[in-house]
Amino acid sequence: MTATVLAGASTALLSRDTAKWLAEEEGIFETASALFFGAALVIMVIQLVRVFSPLRLAGAAMLLWALLRELDFQKRFTYRSVESIGYYTRPHAPWSQKLLVLLILAPFVVAGLWLVRELCRRFIPACRERQSWICHVVAALVLVPLASLSEKVFRLNAAEEILEAGIALLILMLVWSSRPRRELMTVPAKD
């Protein structure tokens, strides 16, 4: 997390051309984010196939949404982002399209709410037990508002892309570290 924040902050020192190159759509950091989310999704789906759980299903759904979002699917087929309230309140899109979009988004919303509920329920006990996934979640949650501030307040689009790649990497680390591990086979000691 610290390295990501420092790398993002250092973009303020870059030349305009270099910063613009780093912030390009389909650039190095946006591509890295998509690869990290894609890898996390593959790991989660493998685990889901091995042992089904509603939590893994919700995680896989949110990873799919994060990957699709990184690939700009939220605005690829509509006149503006379907995550924007303006898409639903302005008359530019027909109601049938808005209803279809809401139906498509509904499973992702349910999955997101499920994950938030589980996070709230498991957070304090996991902190007490010093479970490793807590660090990944907290670090990613710290980077989310920093990425948004970088883009919307400070107009540092390169910093936003770096921070988003850091979030995606932390999510990949979370998924990797929380996968079930095989017990090491031990050979009993001879007397």
C-alpha atoms as a PDB file:
ATOM      1  CA  MET A   1       0.000   0.000   0.000  1.00  0.00           C
ATOM      2  CA  THR A   2       2.762   2.427   0.916  1.00  0.00           C
ATOM      3  CA  ALA A   3       4.634   1.793  -2.334  1.00  0.00           C
ATOM      4  CA  THR A   4       1.430   2.331  -4.303  1.00  0.00           C
ATOM      5  CA  VAL A   5       0.683   5.632  -2.535  1.00  0.00           C
ATOM      6  CA  LEU A   6       4.262   6.870  -3.039  1.00  0.00           C
ATOM      7  CA  ALA A   7       4.211   5.874  -6.716  1.00  0.00           C
ATOM      8  CA  GLY A   8       0.865   7.617  -7.169  1.00  0.00           C
ATOM      9  CA  ALA A   9       2.040  10.772  -5.391  1.00  0.00           C
ATOM     10  CA  SER A  10       5.223  10.885  -7.451  1.00  0.00           C
ATOM     11  CA  THR A  11       3.160  11.311 -10.633  1.00  0.00           C
ATOM     12  CA  ALA A  12       2.693  14.963  -9.628  1.00  0.00           C
ATOM     13  CA  LEU A  13       6.405  15.409 -10.418  1.00  0.00           C
ATOM     14  CA  LEU A  14       6.215  13.863 -13.886  1.00  0.00           C
ATOM     15  CA  SER A  15       6.066  15.789 -17.124  1.00  0.00           C
ATOM     16  CA  ARG A  16       2.602  16.223 -18.597  1.00  0.00           C
ATOM     17  CA  ASP A  17       3.371  13.835 -21.482  1.00  0.00           C
ATOM     18  CA  THR A  18       4.673  11.083 -19.202  1.00  0.00           C
ATOM     19  CA  ALA A  19       1.711  11.425 -16.835  1.00  0.00           C
ATOM     20  CA  LYS A  20      -0.675  11.346 -19.797  1.00  0.00           C
ATOM     21  CA  TRP A  21       1.039   8.202 -21.117  1.00  0.00           C
ATOM     22  CA  LEU A  22       0.675   6.478 -17.722  1.00  0.00           C
ATOM     23  CA  ALA A  23      -3.017   7.391 -17.531  1.00  0.00           C
ATOM     24  CA  GLU A  24      -3.939   6.219 -21.047  1.00  0.00           C
ATOM     25  CA  GLU A  25      -6.960   4.001 -21.529  1.00  0.00           C
ATOM     26  CA  GLU A  26      -5.632   0.491 -22.098  1.00  0.00           C
ATOM     27  CA  GLY A  27      -2.274   1.733 -20.798  1.00  0.00           C
ATOM     28  CA  ILE A  28       0.173  -0.156 -18.631  1.00  0.00           C
ATOM     29  CA  PHE A  29      -1.575   0.367 -15.275  1.00  0.00           C
ATOM     30  CA  GLU A  30      -5.106  -0.146 -16.541  1.00  0.00           C
ATOM     31  CA  THR A  31      -3.973  -3.339 -18.256  1.00  0.00           C
ATOM     32  CA  ALA A  32      -2.235  -4.470 -15.051  1.00  0.00           C
ATOM     33  CA  SER A  33      -5.444  -3.842 -13.087  1.00  0.00           C
ATOM     34  CA  ALA A  34      -7.450  -5.943 -15.529  1.00  0.00           C
ATOM     35  CA  LEU A  35      -4.858  -8.744 -15.369  1.00  0.00           C
ATOM     36  CA  PHE A  36      -4.857  -8.701 -11.549  1.00  0.00           C
ATOM     37  CA  PHE A  37      -8.664  -8.834 -11.404  1.00  0.00           C
ATOM     38  CA  GLY A  38      -8.726 -11.554 -14.058  1.00  0.00           C
ATOM     39  CA  ALA A  39      -6.189 -13.678 -12.176  1.00  0.00           C
ATOM     40  CA  ALA A  40      -8.107 -13.209  -8.914  1.00  0.00           C
ATOM     41  CA  LEU A  41     -11.337 -14.218 -10.673  1.00  0.00           C
ATOM     42  CA  VAL A  42      -9.750 -17.398 -12.073  1.00  0.00           C
ATOM     43  CA  ILE A  43      -8.443 -18.377  -8.622  1.00  0.00           C
ATOM     44  CA  MET A  44     -11.828 -17.664  -7.049  1.00  0.00           C
ATOM     45  CA  VAL A  45     -13.727 -19.666  -9.682  1.00  0.00           C
ATOM     46  CA  ILE A  46     -11.373 -22.629  -9.210  1.00  0.00           C
ATOM     47  CA  GLN A  47     -11.999 -22.500  -5.466  1.00  0.00           C
ATOM     48  CA  LEU A  48     -15.740 -22.106  -6.039  1.00  0.00           C
ATOM     49  CA  VAL A  49     -15.803 -25.203  -8.242  1.00  0.00           C
ATOM     50  CA  ARG A  50     -13.844 -27.197  -5.668  1.00  0.00           C
ATOM     51  CA  VAL A  51     -15.967 -26.150  -2.688  1.00  0.00           C
ATOM     52  CA  PHE A  52     -19.116 -24.107  -3.221  1.00  0.00           C
ATOM     53  CA  SER A  53     -19.933 -21.354  -0.765  1.00  0.00           C
ATOM     54  CA  PRO A  54     -22.176 -18.285  -1.060  1.00  0.00           C
ATOM     55  CA  LEU A  55     -19.258 -16.116   0.061  1.00  0.00           C
ATOM     56  CA  ARG A  56     -17.035 -17.388  -2.770  1.00  0.00           C
ATOM     57  CA  LEU A  57     -19.885 -16.946  -5.250  1.00  0.00           C
ATOM     58  CA  ALA A  58     -20.370 -13.339  -4.113  1.00  0.00           C
ATOM     59  CA  GLY A  59     -16.619 -12.776  -4.310  1.00  0.00           C
ATOM     60  CA  ALA A  60     -16.475 -14.207  -7.822  1.00  0.00           C
ATOM     61  CA  ALA A  61     -19.384 -12.001  -8.903  1.00  0.00           C
ATOM     62  CA  MET A  62     -17.700  -8.873  -7.554  1.00  0.00           C
ATOM     63  CA  LEU A  63     -14.389  -9.819  -9.152  1.00  0.00           C
ATOM     64  CA  LEU A  64     -16.215 -10.253 -12.468  1.00  0.00           C
ATOM     65  CA  TRP A  65     -17.783  -6.813 -12.017  1.00  0.00           C
ATOM     66  CA  ALA A  66     -14.393  -5.278 -11.168  1.00  0.00           C
ATOM     67  CA  LEU A  67     -12.859  -6.869 -14.275  1.00  0.00           C
ATOM     68  CA  LEU A  68     -15.742  -5.734 -16.502  1.00  0.00           C
ATOM     69  CA  ARG A  69     -15.532  -2.253 -15.009  1.00  0.00           C
ATOM     70  CA  GLU A  70     -11.794  -2.099 -15.657  1.00  0.00           C
ATOM     71  CA  LEU A  71     -12.599  -3.009 -19.278  1.00  0.00           C
ATOM     72  CA  ASP A  72     -15.145  -0.121 -19.333  1.00  0.00           C
ATOM     73  CA  PHE A  73     -18.219  -2.316 -19.768  1.00  0.00           C
ATOM     74  CA  GLN A  74     -20.215   0.059 -17.537  1.00  0.00           C
ATOM     75  CA  LYS A  75     -20.252   2.561 -20.415  1.00  0.00           C
ATOM     76  CA  ARG A  76     -19.489   0.441 -23.474  1.00  0.00           C
ATOM     77  CA  PHE A  77     -23.096  -0.221 -24.566  1.00  0.00           C
ATOM     78  CA  THR A  78     -24.853   2.885 -23.253  1.00  0.00           C
ATOM     79  CA  TYR A  79     -24.507   6.609 -23.839  1.00  0.00           C
ATOM     80  CA  ARG A  80     -22.903   7.021 -20.393  1.00  0.00           C
ATOM     81  CA  SER A  81     -21.888   4.931 -17.389  1.00  0.00           C
ATOM     82  CA  VAL A  82     -24.641   2.764 -15.940  1.00  0.00           C
ATOM     83  CA  GLU A  83     -23.098   3.470 -12.525  1.00  0.00           C
ATOM     84  CA  SER A  84     -24.135   7.114 -12.895  1.00  0.00           C
ATOM     85  CA  ILE A  85     -27.433   8.323 -11.452  1.00  0.00           C
ATOM     86  CA  GLY A  86     -27.739  10.595 -14.497  1.00  0.00           C
ATOM     87  CA  TYR A  87     -28.100   7.547 -16.724  1.00  0.00           C
ATOM     88  CA  TYR A  88     -31.377   6.694 -14.966  1.00  0.00           C
ATOM     89  CA  THR A  89     -32.722  10.227 -14.428  1.00  0.00           C
ATOM     90  CA  ARG A  90     -32.102  11.707 -17.884  1.00  0.00           C
ATOM     91  CA  PRO A  91     -34.414  10.869 -20.795  1.00  0.00           C
ATOM     92  CA  HIS A  92     -31.626   9.908 -23.239  1.00  0.00           C
ATOM     93  CA  ALA A  93     -32.004   6.145 -22.741  1.00  0.00           C
ATOM     94  CA  PRO A  94     -35.350   4.358 -23.162  1.00  0.00           C
ATOM     95  CA  TRP A  95     -36.943   2.874 -20.033  1.00  0.00           C
ATOM     96  CA  SER A  96     -36.674  -0.629 -21.481  1.00  0.00           C
ATOM     97  CA  GLN A  97     -32.881  -0.222 -21.689  1.00  0.00           C
ATOM     98  CA  LYS A  98     -32.722   1.168 -18.140  1.00  0.00           C
ATOM     99  CA  LEU A  99     -34.778  -1.764 -16.848  1.00  0.00           C
ATOM    100  CA  LEU A 100     -32.547  -4.267 -18.659  1.00  0.00           C
ATOM    101  CA  VAL A 101     -29.442  -2.620 -17.172  1.00  0.00           C
ATOM    102  CA  LEU A 102     -30.958  -2.784 -13.673  1.00  0.00           C
ATOM    103  CA  LEU A 103     -31.732  -6.483 -14.156  1.00  0.00           C
ATOM    104  CA  ILE A 104     -28.149  -7.131 -15.272  1.00  0.00           C
ATOM    105  CA  LEU A 105     -26.722  -5.163 -12.339  1.00  0.00           C
ATOM    106  CA  ALA A 106     -28.998  -6.730  -9.690  1.00  0.00           C
ATOM    107  CA  PRO A 107     -26.862  -9.867  -9.070  1.00  0.00           C
ATOM    108  CA  PHE A 108     -23.755  -7.702  -8.664  1.00  0.00           C
ATOM    109  CA  VAL A 109     -25.546  -5.446  -6.186  1.00  0.00           C
ATOM    110  CA  VAL A 110     -26.746  -8.461  -4.191  1.00  0.00           C
ATOM    111  CA  ALA A 111     -23.221  -9.923  -4.224  1.00  0.00           C
ATOM    112  CA  GLY A 112     -21.737  -6.619  -3.080  1.00  0.00           C
ATOM    113  CA  LEU A 113     -24.233  -6.303  -0.227  1.00  0.00           C
ATOM    114  CA  TRP A 114     -23.513  -9.910   0.802  1.00  0.00           C
ATOM    115  CA  LEU A 115     -19.769  -9.211   0.914  1.00  0.00           C
ATOM    116  CA  VAL A 116     -20.260  -6.012   2.933  1.00  0.00           C
ATOM    117  CA  ARG A 117     -22.461  -7.891   5.404  1.00  0.00           C
ATOM    118  CA  GLU A 118     -19.909 -10.678   5.760  1.00  0.00           C
ATOM    119  CA  LEU A 119     -17.058  -8.187   6.121  1.00  0.00           C
ATOM    120  CA  CYS A 120     -18.899  -6.366   8.912  1.00  0.00           C
ATOM    121  CA  ARG A 121     -19.725  -9.653  10.619  1.00  0.00           C
ATOM    122  CA  ARG A 122     -16.226 -11.148  10.383  1.00  0.00           C
ATOM    123  CA  PHE A 123     -14.004  -8.075  10.699  1.00  0.00           C
ATOM    124  CA  ILE A 124     -13.602  -7.766  14.498  1.00  0.00           C
ATOM    125  CA  PRO A 125     -13.135 -11.518  15.135  1.00  0.00           C
ATOM    126  CA  ALA A 126     -10.608 -11.686  12.269  1.00  0.00           C
ATOM    127  CA  CYS A 127      -8.695  -8.721  13.735  1.00  0.00           C
ATOM    128  CA  ARG A 128      -8.557 -10.445  17.122  1.00  0.00           C
ATOM    129  CA  GLU A 129      -7.240 -13.605  15.452  1.00  0.00           C
ATOM    130  CA  ARG A 130      -4.807 -11.574  13.335  1.00  0.00           C
ATOM    131  CA  GLN A 131      -5.963 -13.157  10.102  1.00  0.00           C
ATOM    132  CA  SER A 132      -3.904 -12.064   7.088  1.00  0.00           C
ATOM    133  CA  TRP A 133      -6.849 -11.098   4.877  1.00  0.00           C
ATOM    134  CA  ILE A 134      -7.629  -8.118   7.115  1.00  0.00           C
ATOM    135  CA  CYS A 135      -4.467  -6.286   6.020  1.00  0.00           C
ATOM    136  CA  HIS A 136      -5.340  -6.708   2.336  1.00  0.00           C
ATOM    137  CA  VAL A 137      -8.910  -5.484   2.846  1.00  0.00           C
ATOM    138  CA  VAL A 138      -7.917  -2.471   4.959  1.00  0.00           C
ATOM    139  CA  ALA A 139      -5.152  -1.471   2.536  1.00  0.00           C
ATOM    140  CA  ALA A 140      -7.493  -1.736  -0.467  1.00  0.00           C
ATOM    141  CA  LEU A 141     -10.183   0.270   1.356  1.00  0.00           C
ATOM    142  CA  VAL A 142      -7.636   3.004   2.137  1.00  0.00           C
ATOM    143  CA  LEU A 143      -6.605   3.196  -1.532  1.00  0.00           C
ATOM    144  CA  VAL A 144     -10.188   3.519  -2.860  1.00  0.00           C
ATOM    145  CA  PRO A 145     -10.818   7.103  -1.653  1.00  0.00           C
ATOM    146  CA  LEU A 146      -7.242   8.086  -2.493  1.00  0.00           C
ATOM    147  CA  ALA A 147      -7.769   6.958  -6.097  1.00  0.00           C
ATOM    148  CA  SER A 148     -11.020   8.900  -6.297  1.00  0.00           C
ATOM    149  CA  LEU A 149      -9.435  12.047  -4.812  1.00  0.00           C
ATOM    150  CA  SER A 150      -6.494  11.748  -7.197  1.00  0.00           C
ATOM    151  CA  GLU A 151      -8.793  11.837 -10.191  1.00  0.00           C
ATOM    152  CA  LYS A 152     -11.616  14.136  -9.124  1.00  0.00           C
ATOM    153  CA  VAL A 153      -9.895  16.655  -6.828  1.00  0.00           C
ATOM    154  CA  PHE A 154      -6.218  16.716  -7.745  1.00  0.00           C
ATOM    155  CA  ARG A 155      -6.680  15.841 -11.452  1.00  0.00           C
ATOM    156  CA  LEU A 156      -3.823  13.337 -11.245  1.00  0.00           C
ATOM    157  CA  ASN A 157      -5.161  10.690 -13.599  1.00  0.00           C
ATOM    158  CA  ALA A 158      -1.850   8.814 -13.644  1.00  0.00           C
ATOM    159  CA  ALA A 159      -1.949   8.576  -9.836  1.00  0.00           C
ATOM    160  CA  GLU A 160      -5.515   7.273 -10.031  1.00  0.00           C
ATOM    161  CA  GLU A 161      -4.469   4.509 -12.453  1.00  0.00           C
ATOM    162  CA  ILE A 162      -1.532   3.512 -10.242  1.00  0.00           C
ATOM    163  CA  LEU A 163      -3.725   3.444  -7.132  1.00  0.00           C
ATOM    164  CA  GLU A 164      -6.375   1.380  -8.930  1.00  0.00           C
ATOM    165  CA  ALA A 165      -3.687  -1.097 -10.001  1.00  0.00           C
ATOM    166  CA  GLY A 166      -2.603  -1.256  -6.357  1.00  0.00           C
ATOM    167  CA  ILE A 167      -6.179  -1.990  -5.296  1.00  0.00           C
ATOM    168  CA  ALA A 168      -6.444  -4.770  -7.879  1.00  0.00           C
ATOM    169  CA  LEU A 169      -3.111  -6.245  -6.739  1.00  0.00           C
ATOM    170  CA  LEU A 170      -4.251  -6.181  -3.101  1.00  0.00           C
ATOM    171  CA  ILE A 171      -7.478  -7.950  -4.077  1.00  0.00           C
ATOM    172  CA  LEU A 172      -5.442 -10.582  -5.933  1.00  0.00           C
ATOM    173  CA  MET A 173      -3.251 -11.001  -2.839  1.00  0.00           C
ATOM    174  CA  LEU A 174      -6.385 -11.316  -0.698  1.00  0.00           C
ATOM    175  CA  VAL A 175      -7.841 -14.031  -2.915  1.00  0.00           C
ATOM    176  CA  TRP A 176      -4.503 -15.853  -3.123  1.00  0.00           C
ATOM    177  CA  SER A 177      -3.893 -15.750   0.629  1.00  0.00           C
ATOM    178  CA  SER A 178      -7.409 -16.861   1.536  1.00  0.00           C
ATOM    179  CA  ARG A 179      -7.476 -19.965  -0.647  1.00  0.00           C
ATOM    180  CA  PRO A 180      -7.546 -23.254   1.249  1.00  0.00           C
ATOM    181  CA  ARG A 181      -4.128 -24.738   1.764  1.00  0.00           C
ATOM    182  CA  ARG A 182      -3.316 -28.411   1.639  1.00  0.00           C
ATOM    183  CA  GLU A 183      -2.143 -29.798   4.905  1.00  0.00           C
ATOM    184  CA  LEU A 184       1.529 -30.690   4.816  1.00  0.00           C
ATOM    185  CA  MET A 185       2.024 -34.385   5.058  1.00  0.00           C
ATOM    186  CA  THR A 186       4.181 -35.177   8.001  1.00  0.00           C
ATOM    187  CA  VAL A 187       6.015 -38.379   8.575  1.00  0.00           C
ATOM    188  CA  PRO A 188       5.774 -39.552  12.156  1.00  0.00           C
ATOM    189  CA  ALA A 189       9.089 -39.654  13.936  1.00  0.00           C
ATOM    190  CA  LYS A 190      10.539 -43.097  14.553  1.00  0.00           C
ATOM    191  CA  ASP A 191      11.034 -44.089  18.151  1.00  0.00           C
END
